[in-house]
């Protein structure tokens, strides 16, 4: 492939740069929250809780209802995406 050729991608699919930014920002936020310095929505300190079982399923249904593309992402993966509940400290 030459420098001027572009790889076609499906509509609404983030490109390589966008995916790179998303990974960097997610990593940064995860690190901050795990070290106890994370905040959500600016001023609110939070504690993460991974949901399992019925709690996860209920939350996942609400997430997919609000953002159907997450269901699409999940259907393309072999692993189950974690669902994390952030609660104020």
PDB file of N, CA and C in Angstrom:
ATOM      1  N   UNK A   1       0.865  -1.172   0.000  1.00  0.00           N
ATOM      2  CA  UNK A   1       0.000   0.000   0.000  1.00  0.00           C
ATOM      3  C   UNK A   1       0.904   1.225   0.000  1.00  0.00           C
ATOM      4  N   UNK A   2       0.582   2.183  -0.861  1.00  0.00           N
ATOM      5  CA  UNK A   2       1.379   3.408  -0.923  1.00  0.00           C
ATOM      6  C   UNK A   2       0.894   4.406   0.102  1.00  0.00           C
ATOM      7  N   UNK A   3       1.667   5.463   0.252  1.00  0.00           N
ATOM      8  CA  UNK A   3       1.337   6.476   1.250  1.00  0.00           C
ATOM      9  C   UNK A   3       0.011   7.175   0.957  1.00  0.00           C
ATOM     10  N   UNK A   4      -0.360   7.305  -0.293  1.00  0.00           N
ATOM     11  CA  UNK A   4      -1.573   8.044  -0.662  1.00  0.00           C
ATOM     12  C   UNK A   4      -2.836   7.198  -0.638  1.00  0.00           C
ATOM     13  N   UNK A   5      -2.710   5.885  -0.507  1.00  0.00           N
ATOM     14  CA  UNK A   5      -3.882   5.026  -0.456  1.00  0.00           C
ATOM     15  C   UNK A   5      -4.479   5.034   0.941  1.00  0.00           C
ATOM     16  N   UNK A   6      -5.794   4.993   1.000  1.00  0.00           N
ATOM     17  CA  UNK A   6      -6.473   4.930   2.276  1.00  0.00           C
ATOM     18  C   UNK A   6      -7.273   3.636   2.355  1.00  0.00           C
ATOM     19  N   UNK A   7      -7.341   3.082   3.520  1.00  0.00           N
ATOM     20  CA  UNK A   7      -8.111   1.866   3.734  1.00  0.00           C
ATOM     21  C   UNK A   7      -9.543   2.266   4.051  1.00  0.00           C
ATOM     22  N   UNK A   8     -10.492   1.704   3.295  1.00  0.00           N
ATOM     23  CA  UNK A   8     -11.901   2.011   3.544  1.00  0.00           C
ATOM     24  C   UNK A   8     -12.338   1.340   4.834  1.00  0.00           C
ATOM     25  N   UNK A   9     -13.158   2.033   5.595  1.00  0.00           N
ATOM     26  CA  UNK A   9     -13.694   1.449   6.827  1.00  0.00           C
ATOM     27  C   UNK A   9     -15.202   1.662   6.842  1.00  0.00           C
ATOM     28  N   UNK A  10     -15.867   0.883   7.668  1.00  0.00           N
ATOM     29  CA  UNK A  10     -17.313   0.980   7.756  1.00  0.00           C
ATOM     30  C   UNK A  10     -17.705   2.336   8.319  1.00  0.00           C
ATOM     31  N   UNK A  11     -18.868   2.855   7.924  1.00  0.00           N
ATOM     32  CA  UNK A  11     -19.335   4.128   8.483  1.00  0.00           C
ATOM     33  C   UNK A  11     -19.472   4.032  10.006  1.00  0.00           C
ATOM     34  N   UNK A  12     -19.189   5.113  10.672  1.00  0.00           N
ATOM     35  CA  UNK A  12     -19.287   5.242  12.130  1.00  0.00           C
ATOM     36  C   UNK A  12     -18.257   4.384  12.867  1.00  0.00           C
ATOM     37  N   UNK A  13     -17.229   3.946  12.163  1.00  0.00           N
ATOM     38  CA  UNK A  13     -16.148   3.195  12.786  1.00  0.00           C
ATOM     39  C   UNK A  13     -14.985   4.145  13.005  1.00  0.00           C
ATOM     40  N   UNK A  14     -14.501   4.245  14.245  1.00  0.00           N
ATOM     41  CA  UNK A  14     -13.395   5.172  14.490  1.00  0.00           C
ATOM     42  C   UNK A  14     -12.131   4.731  13.766  1.00  0.00           C
ATOM     43  N   UNK A  15     -11.374   5.702  13.335  1.00  0.00           N
ATOM     44  CA  UNK A  15     -10.115   5.432  12.658  1.00  0.00           C
ATOM     45  C   UNK A  15      -9.005   5.135  13.646  1.00  0.00           C
ATOM     46  N   UNK A  16      -7.807   4.841  13.138  1.00  0.00           N
ATOM     47  CA  UNK A  16      -6.691   4.479  14.008  1.00  0.00           C
ATOM     48  C   UNK A  16      -6.326   5.563  15.025  1.00  0.00           C
ATOM     49  N   UNK A  17      -6.331   6.812  14.608  1.00  0.00           N
ATOM     50  CA  UNK A  17      -5.981   7.886  15.530  1.00  0.00           C
ATOM     51  C   UNK A  17      -7.014   8.003  16.650  1.00  0.00           C
ATOM     52  N   UNK A  18      -8.289   7.916  16.291  1.00  0.00           N
ATOM     53  CA  UNK A  18      -9.353   7.997  17.283  1.00  0.00           C
ATOM     54  C   UNK A  18      -9.255   6.838  18.283  1.00  0.00           C
ATOM     55  N   UNK A  19      -8.989   5.630  17.786  1.00  0.00           N
ATOM     56  CA  UNK A  19      -8.847   4.479  18.680  1.00  0.00           C
ATOM     57  C   UNK A  19      -7.647   4.649  19.605  1.00  0.00           C
ATOM     58  N   UNK A  20      -6.563   5.200  19.086  1.00  0.00           N
ATOM     59  CA  UNK A  20      -5.370   5.442  19.898  1.00  0.00           C
ATOM     60  C   UNK A  20      -5.683   6.425  21.029  1.00  0.00           C
ATOM     61  N   UNK A  21      -6.370   7.516  20.703  1.00  0.00           N
ATOM     62  CA  UNK A  21      -6.750   8.514  21.715  1.00  0.00           C
ATOM     63  C   UNK A  21      -7.652   7.872  22.772  1.00  0.00           C
ATOM     64  N   UNK A  22      -8.643   7.092  22.321  1.00  0.00           N
ATOM     65  CA  UNK A  22      -9.552   6.438  23.261  1.00  0.00           C
ATOM     66  C   UNK A  22      -8.790   5.534  24.224  1.00  0.00           C
ATOM     67  N   UNK A  23      -7.854   4.727  23.698  1.00  0.00           N
ATOM     68  CA  UNK A  23      -7.072   3.833  24.559  1.00  0.00           C
ATOM     69  C   UNK A  23      -6.254   4.626  25.569  1.00  0.00           C
ATOM     70  N   UNK A  24      -5.613   5.704  25.119  1.00  0.00           N
ATOM     71  CA  UNK A  24      -4.787   6.517  26.022  1.00  0.00           C
ATOM     72  C   UNK A  24      -5.642   7.150  27.128  1.00  0.00           C
ATOM     73  N   UNK A  25      -6.778   7.705  26.761  1.00  0.00           N
ATOM     74  CA  UNK A  25      -7.635   8.359  27.752  1.00  0.00           C
ATOM     75  C   UNK A  25      -8.229   7.333  28.725  1.00  0.00           C
ATOM     76  N   UNK A  26      -8.638   6.173  28.224  1.00  0.00           N
ATOM     77  CA  UNK A  26      -9.172   5.130  29.105  1.00  0.00           C
ATOM     78  C   UNK A  26      -8.108   4.643  30.084  1.00  0.00           C
ATOM     79  N   UNK A  27      -6.900   4.434  29.586  1.00  0.00           N
ATOM     80  CA  UNK A  27      -5.805   3.997  30.448  1.00  0.00           C
ATOM     81  C   UNK A  27      -5.525   5.027  31.529  1.00  0.00           C
ATOM     82  N   UNK A  28      -5.498   6.282  31.147  1.00  0.00           N
ATOM     83  CA  UNK A  28      -5.227   7.368  32.108  1.00  0.00           C
ATOM     84  C   UNK A  28      -6.303   7.423  33.199  1.00  0.00           C
ATOM     85  N   UNK A  29      -7.565   7.354  32.791  1.00  0.00           N
ATOM     86  CA  UNK A  29      -8.658   7.436  33.763  1.00  0.00           C
ATOM     87  C   UNK A  29      -8.658   6.205  34.673  1.00  0.00           C
ATOM     88  N   UNK A  30      -8.445   5.022  34.108  1.00  0.00           N
ATOM     89  CA  UNK A  30      -8.394   3.813  34.930  1.00  0.00           C
ATOM     90  C   UNK A  30      -7.298   3.910  35.982  1.00  0.00           C
ATOM     91  N   UNK A  31      -6.137   4.383  35.575  1.00  0.00           N
ATOM     92  CA  UNK A  31      -5.012   4.513  36.509  1.00  0.00           C
ATOM     93  C   UNK A  31      -5.350   5.487  37.636  1.00  0.00           C
ATOM     94  N   UNK A  32      -5.950   6.615  37.291  1.00  0.00           N
ATOM     95  CA  UNK A  32      -6.306   7.607  38.307  1.00  0.00           C
ATOM     96  C   UNK A  32      -7.342   7.059  39.283  1.00  0.00           C
ATOM     97  N   UNK A  33      -8.363   6.382  38.781  1.00  0.00           N
ATOM     98  CA  UNK A  33      -9.416   5.856  39.649  1.00  0.00           C
ATOM     99  C   UNK A  33      -8.852   4.766  40.557  1.00  0.00           C
ATOM    100  N   UNK A  34      -8.036   3.865  40.015  1.00  0.00           N
ATOM    101  CA  UNK A  34      -7.473   2.773  40.821  1.00  0.00           C
ATOM    102  C   UNK A  34      -6.544   3.288  41.910  1.00  0.00           C
ATOM    103  N   UNK A  35      -5.915   4.421  41.681  1.00  0.00           N
ATOM    104  CA  UNK A  35      -5.028   5.004  42.696  1.00  0.00           C
ATOM    105  C   UNK A  35      -5.794   5.875  43.689  1.00  0.00           C
ATOM    106  N   UNK A  36      -7.113   5.948  43.514  1.00  0.00           N
ATOM    107  CA  UNK A  36      -7.923   6.709  44.455  1.00  0.00           C
ATOM    108  C   UNK A  36      -7.951   8.198  44.185  1.00  0.00           C
ATOM    109  N   UNK A  37      -7.477   8.610  43.011  1.00  0.00           N
ATOM    110  CA  UNK A  37      -7.460  10.039  42.688  1.00  0.00           C
ATOM    111  C   UNK A  37      -8.445  10.387  41.581  1.00  0.00           C
ATOM    112  N   UNK A  38      -9.209   9.411  41.131  1.00  0.00           N
ATOM    113  CA  UNK A  38     -10.106   9.643  40.017  1.00  0.00           C
ATOM    114  C   UNK A  38     -11.352  10.409  40.413  1.00  0.00           C
ATOM    115  N   UNK A  39     -11.851  11.193  39.484  1.00  0.00           N
ATOM    116  CA  UNK A  39     -13.124  11.873  39.666  1.00  0.00           C
ATOM    117  C   UNK A  39     -13.950  11.647  38.418  1.00  0.00           C
ATOM    118  N   UNK A  40     -15.228  11.807  38.573  1.00  0.00           N
ATOM    119  CA  UNK A  40     -16.144  11.658  37.450  1.00  0.00           C
ATOM    120  C   UNK A  40     -16.982  12.913  37.373  1.00  0.00           C
ATOM    121  N   UNK A  41     -17.101  13.465  36.199  1.00  0.00           N
ATOM    122  CA  UNK A  41     -17.870  14.694  35.971  1.00  0.00           C
ATOM    123  C   UNK A  41     -17.246  15.873  36.725  1.00  0.00           C
ATOM    124  N   UNK A  42     -15.899  15.976  36.821  1.00  0.00           N
ATOM    125  CA  UNK A  42     -15.205  17.150  37.335  1.00  0.00           C
ATOM    126  C   UNK A  42     -14.899  17.129  38.818  1.00  0.00           C
ATOM    127  N   UNK A  43     -15.876  17.198  39.694  1.00  0.00           N
ATOM    128  CA  UNK A  43     -15.580  17.402  41.132  1.00  0.00           C
ATOM    129  C   UNK A  43     -15.955  16.259  42.042  1.00  0.00           C
ATOM    130  N   UNK A  44     -16.519  15.240  41.532  1.00  0.00           N
ATOM    131  CA  UNK A  44     -17.066  14.159  42.354  1.00  0.00           C
ATOM    132  C   UNK A  44     -16.057  13.016  42.449  1.00  0.00           C
ATOM    133  N   UNK A  45     -15.432  12.736  43.608  1.00  0.00           N
ATOM    134  CA  UNK A  45     -14.558  11.574  43.779  1.00  0.00           C
ATOM    135  C   UNK A  45     -15.389  10.288  43.747  1.00  0.00           C
ATOM    136  N   UNK A  46     -14.889   9.255  43.084  1.00  0.00           N
ATOM    137  CA  UNK A  46     -15.649   8.019  42.909  1.00  0.00           C
ATOM    138  C   UNK A  46     -14.836   6.794  43.293  1.00  0.00           C
ATOM    139  N   UNK A  47     -15.563   5.710  43.560  1.00  0.00           N
ATOM    140  CA  UNK A  47     -14.970   4.394  43.797  1.00  0.00           C
ATOM    141  C   UNK A  47     -15.561   3.441  42.764  1.00  0.00           C
ATOM    142  N   UNK A  48     -14.720   2.703  42.027  1.00  0.00           N
ATOM    143  CA  UNK A  48     -15.236   1.766  41.019  1.00  0.00           C
ATOM    144  C   UNK A  48     -15.630   0.438  41.637  1.00  0.00           C
ATOM    145  N   UNK A  49     -16.715  -0.154  41.116  1.00  0.00           N
ATOM    146  CA  UNK A  49     -17.176  -1.486  41.534  1.00  0.00           C
ATOM    147  C   UNK A  49     -17.524  -2.260  40.274  1.00  0.00           C
ATOM    148  N   UNK A  50     -16.867  -3.371  40.063  1.00  0.00           N
ATOM    149  CA  UNK A  50     -17.183  -4.209  38.905  1.00  0.00           C
ATOM    150  C   UNK A  50     -18.463  -4.984  39.184  1.00  0.00           C
ATOM    151  N   UNK A  51     -19.412  -4.924  38.249  1.00  0.00           N
ATOM    152  CA  UNK A  51     -20.692  -5.617  38.414  1.00  0.00           C
ATOM    153  C   UNK A  51     -20.618  -7.017  37.817  1.00  0.00           C
ATOM    154  N   UNK A  52     -21.265  -7.962  38.476  1.00  0.00           N
ATOM    155  CA  UNK A  52     -21.332  -9.343  38.007  1.00  0.00           C
ATOM    156  C   UNK A  52     -22.768  -9.843  38.081  1.00  0.00           C
ATOM    157  N   UNK A  53     -23.020 -10.943  37.416  1.00  0.00           N
ATOM    158  CA  UNK A  53     -24.310 -11.615  37.505  1.00  0.00           C
ATOM    159  C   UNK A  53     -25.484 -10.761  37.056  1.00  0.00           C
ATOM    160  N   UNK A  54     -26.568 -10.832  37.842  1.00  0.00           N
ATOM    161  CA  UNK A  54     -27.808 -10.135  37.499  1.00  0.00           C
ATOM    162  C   UNK A  54     -27.613  -8.615  37.489  1.00  0.00           C
ATOM    163  N   UNK A  55     -26.777  -8.099  38.402  1.00  0.00           N
ATOM    164  CA  UNK A  55     -26.520  -6.652  38.415  1.00  0.00           C
ATOM    165  C   UNK A  55     -25.874  -6.207  37.110  1.00  0.00           C
ATOM    166  N   UNK A  56     -24.898  -7.002  36.624  1.00  0.00           N
ATOM    167  CA  UNK A  56     -24.238  -6.661  35.365  1.00  0.00           C
ATOM    168  C   UNK A  56     -25.220  -6.724  34.197  1.00  0.00           C
ATOM    169  N   UNK A  57     -26.024  -7.778  34.148  1.00  0.00           N
ATOM    170  CA  UNK A  57     -26.976  -7.932  33.047  1.00  0.00           C
ATOM    171  C   UNK A  57     -27.978  -6.782  33.000  1.00  0.00           C
ATOM    172  N   UNK A  58     -28.480  -6.386  34.152  1.00  0.00           N
ATOM    173  CA  UNK A  58     -29.435  -5.274  34.201  1.00  0.00           C
ATOM    174  C   UNK A  58     -28.770  -3.980  33.732  1.00  0.00           C
ATOM    175  N   UNK A  59     -27.575  -3.723  34.210  1.00  0.00           N
ATOM    176  CA  UNK A  59     -26.859  -2.517  33.804  1.00  0.00           C
ATOM    177  C   UNK A  59     -26.521  -2.576  32.317  1.00  0.00           C
ATOM    178  N   UNK A  60     -26.102  -3.754  31.832  1.00  0.00           N
ATOM    179  CA  UNK A  60     -25.735  -3.892  30.416  1.00  0.00           C
ATOM    180  C   UNK A  60     -26.937  -3.615  29.513  1.00  0.00           C
ATOM    181  N   UNK A  61     -28.122  -4.094  29.894  1.00  0.00           N
ATOM    182  CA  UNK A  61     -29.337  -3.819  29.094  1.00  0.00           C
ATOM    183  C   UNK A  61     -29.594  -2.311  29.017  1.00  0.00           C
ATOM    184  N   UNK A  62     -29.405  -1.612  30.119  1.00  0.00           N
ATOM    185  CA  UNK A  62     -29.607  -0.154  30.121  1.00  0.00           C
ATOM    186  C   UNK A  62     -28.555   0.543  29.260  1.00  0.00           C
ATOM    187  N   UNK A  63     -27.317   0.075  29.333  1.00  0.00           N
ATOM    188  CA  UNK A  63     -26.237   0.665  28.532  1.00  0.00           C
ATOM    189  C   UNK A  63     -26.526   0.491  27.048  1.00  0.00           C
ATOM    190  N   UNK A  64     -26.880  -0.723  26.646  1.00  0.00           N
ATOM    191  CA  UNK A  64     -27.137  -1.010  25.232  1.00  0.00           C
ATOM    192  C   UNK A  64     -28.386  -0.287  24.736  1.00  0.00           C
ATOM    193  N   UNK A  65     -29.380  -0.112  25.605  1.00  0.00           N
ATOM    194  CA  UNK A  65     -30.574   0.643  25.203  1.00  0.00           C
ATOM    195  C   UNK A  65     -30.201   2.100  24.916  1.00  0.00           C
ATOM    196  N   UNK A  66     -29.281   2.641  25.701  1.00  0.00           N
ATOM    197  CA  UNK A  66     -28.868   4.037  25.507  1.00  0.00           C
ATOM    198  C   UNK A  66     -27.862   4.178  24.365  1.00  0.00           C
ATOM    199  N   UNK A  67     -26.986   3.196  24.201  1.00  0.00           N
ATOM    200  CA  UNK A  67     -25.943   3.230  23.170  1.00  0.00           C
ATOM    201  C   UNK A  67     -25.850   1.865  22.484  1.00  0.00           C
ATOM    202  N   UNK A  68     -26.695   1.619  21.479  1.00  0.00           N
ATOM    203  CA  UNK A  68     -26.746   0.295  20.835  1.00  0.00           C
ATOM    204  C   UNK A  68     -25.410  -0.184  20.264  1.00  0.00           C
ATOM    205  N   UNK A  69     -24.524   0.729  19.923  1.00  0.00           N
ATOM    206  CA  UNK A  69     -23.261   0.279  19.326  1.00  0.00           C
ATOM    207  C   UNK A  69     -22.424  -0.551  20.295  1.00  0.00           C
ATOM    208  N   UNK A  70     -22.608  -0.369  21.613  1.00  0.00           N
ATOM    209  CA  UNK A  70     -21.874  -1.198  22.567  1.00  0.00           C
ATOM    210  C   UNK A  70     -22.290  -2.657  22.431  1.00  0.00           C
ATOM    211  N   UNK A  71     -23.558  -2.899  22.159  1.00  0.00           N
ATOM    212  CA  UNK A  71     -24.024  -4.259  21.905  1.00  0.00           C
ATOM    213  C   UNK A  71     -23.377  -4.842  20.664  1.00  0.00           C
ATOM    214  N   UNK A  72     -23.197  -3.992  19.648  1.00  0.00           N
ATOM    215  CA  UNK A  72     -22.527  -4.421  18.424  1.00  0.00           C
ATOM    216  C   UNK A  72     -21.073  -4.762  18.717  1.00  0.00           C
ATOM    217  N   UNK A  73     -20.383  -3.914  19.469  1.00  0.00           N
ATOM    218  CA  UNK A  73     -18.994  -4.196  19.838  1.00  0.00           C
ATOM    219  C   UNK A  73     -18.903  -5.523  20.576  1.00  0.00           C
ATOM    220  N   UNK A  74     -19.828  -5.734  21.536  1.00  0.00           N
ATOM    221  CA  UNK A  74     -19.807  -6.954  22.339  1.00  0.00           C
ATOM    222  C   UNK A  74     -20.009  -8.180  21.464  1.00  0.00           C
ATOM    223  N   UNK A  75     -20.890  -8.088  20.483  1.00  0.00           N
ATOM    224  CA  UNK A  75     -21.175  -9.239  19.624  1.00  0.00           C
ATOM    225  C   UNK A  75     -19.971  -9.633  18.772  1.00  0.00           C
ATOM    226  N   UNK A  76     -19.026  -8.726  18.577  1.00  0.00           N
ATOM    227  CA  UNK A  76     -17.837  -9.001  17.772  1.00  0.00           C
ATOM    228  C   UNK A  76     -16.664  -9.492  18.614  1.00  0.00           C
ATOM    229  N   UNK A  77     -16.855  -9.590  19.915  1.00  0.00           N
ATOM    230  CA  UNK A  77     -15.761  -9.962  20.811  1.00  0.00           C
ATOM    231  C   UNK A  77     -16.006 -11.331  21.434  1.00  0.00           C
ATOM    232  N   UNK A  78     -14.924 -12.012  21.734  1.00  0.00           N
ATOM    233  CA  UNK A  78     -15.016 -13.310  22.402  1.00  0.00           C
ATOM    234  C   UNK A  78     -15.109 -13.174  23.911  1.00  0.00           C
ATOM    235  N   UNK A  79     -14.780 -12.014  24.431  1.00  0.00           N
ATOM    236  CA  UNK A  79     -14.799 -11.815  25.882  1.00  0.00           C
ATOM    237  C   UNK A  79     -16.002 -10.983  26.294  1.00  0.00           C
ATOM    238  N   UNK A  80     -16.374 -11.093  27.547  1.00  0.00           N
ATOM    239  CA  UNK A  80     -17.477 -10.279  28.080  1.00  0.00           C
ATOM    240  C   UNK A  80     -16.909  -8.958  28.587  1.00  0.00           C
ATOM    241  N   UNK A  81     -17.455  -7.872  28.087  1.00  0.00           N
ATOM    242  CA  UNK A  81     -16.980  -6.561  28.520  1.00  0.00           C
ATOM    243  C   UNK A  81     -17.349  -6.318  29.973  1.00  0.00           C
ATOM    244  N   UNK A  82     -16.429  -5.784  30.749  1.00  0.00           N
ATOM    245  CA  UNK A  82     -16.755  -5.487  32.145  1.00  0.00           C
ATOM    246  C   UNK A  82     -17.678  -4.278  32.236  1.00  0.00           C
ATOM    247  N   UNK A  83     -18.521  -4.284  33.252  1.00  0.00           N
ATOM    248  CA  UNK A  83     -19.375  -3.127  33.540  1.00  0.00           C
ATOM    249  C   UNK A  83     -18.970  -2.635  34.917  1.00  0.00           C
ATOM    250  N   UNK A  84     -18.597  -1.382  34.982  1.00  0.00           N
ATOM    251  CA  UNK A  84     -18.089  -0.790  36.218  1.00  0.00           C
ATOM    252  C   UNK A  84     -19.079   0.268  36.695  1.00  0.00           C
ATOM    253  N   UNK A  85     -19.490   0.154  37.939  1.00  0.00           N
ATOM    254  CA  UNK A  85     -20.353   1.178  38.545  1.00  0.00           C
ATOM    255  C   UNK A  85     -19.460   2.100  39.367  1.00  0.00           C
ATOM    256  N   UNK A  86     -19.579   3.396  39.112  1.00  0.00           N
ATOM    257  CA  UNK A  86     -18.826   4.390  39.877  1.00  0.00           C
ATOM    258  C   UNK A  86     -19.754   4.967  40.938  1.00  0.00           C
ATOM    259  N   UNK A  87     -19.355   4.835  42.184  1.00  0.00           N
ATOM    260  CA  UNK A  87     -20.176   5.382  43.267  1.00  0.00           C
ATOM    261  C   UNK A  87     -19.402   6.497  43.967  1.00  0.00           C
ATOM    262  N   UNK A  88     -20.114   7.555  44.360  1.00  0.00           N
ATOM    263  CA  UNK A  88     -19.432   8.649  45.065  1.00  0.00           C
ATOM    264  C   UNK A  88     -18.819   8.154  46.357  1.00  0.00           C
ATOM    265  N   UNK A  89     -17.670   8.726  46.687  1.00  0.00           N
ATOM    266  CA  UNK A  89     -17.012   8.362  47.965  1.00  0.00           C
ATOM    267  C   UNK A  89     -17.610   9.145  49.084  1.00  0.00           C
TER     268      UNK A  89
END
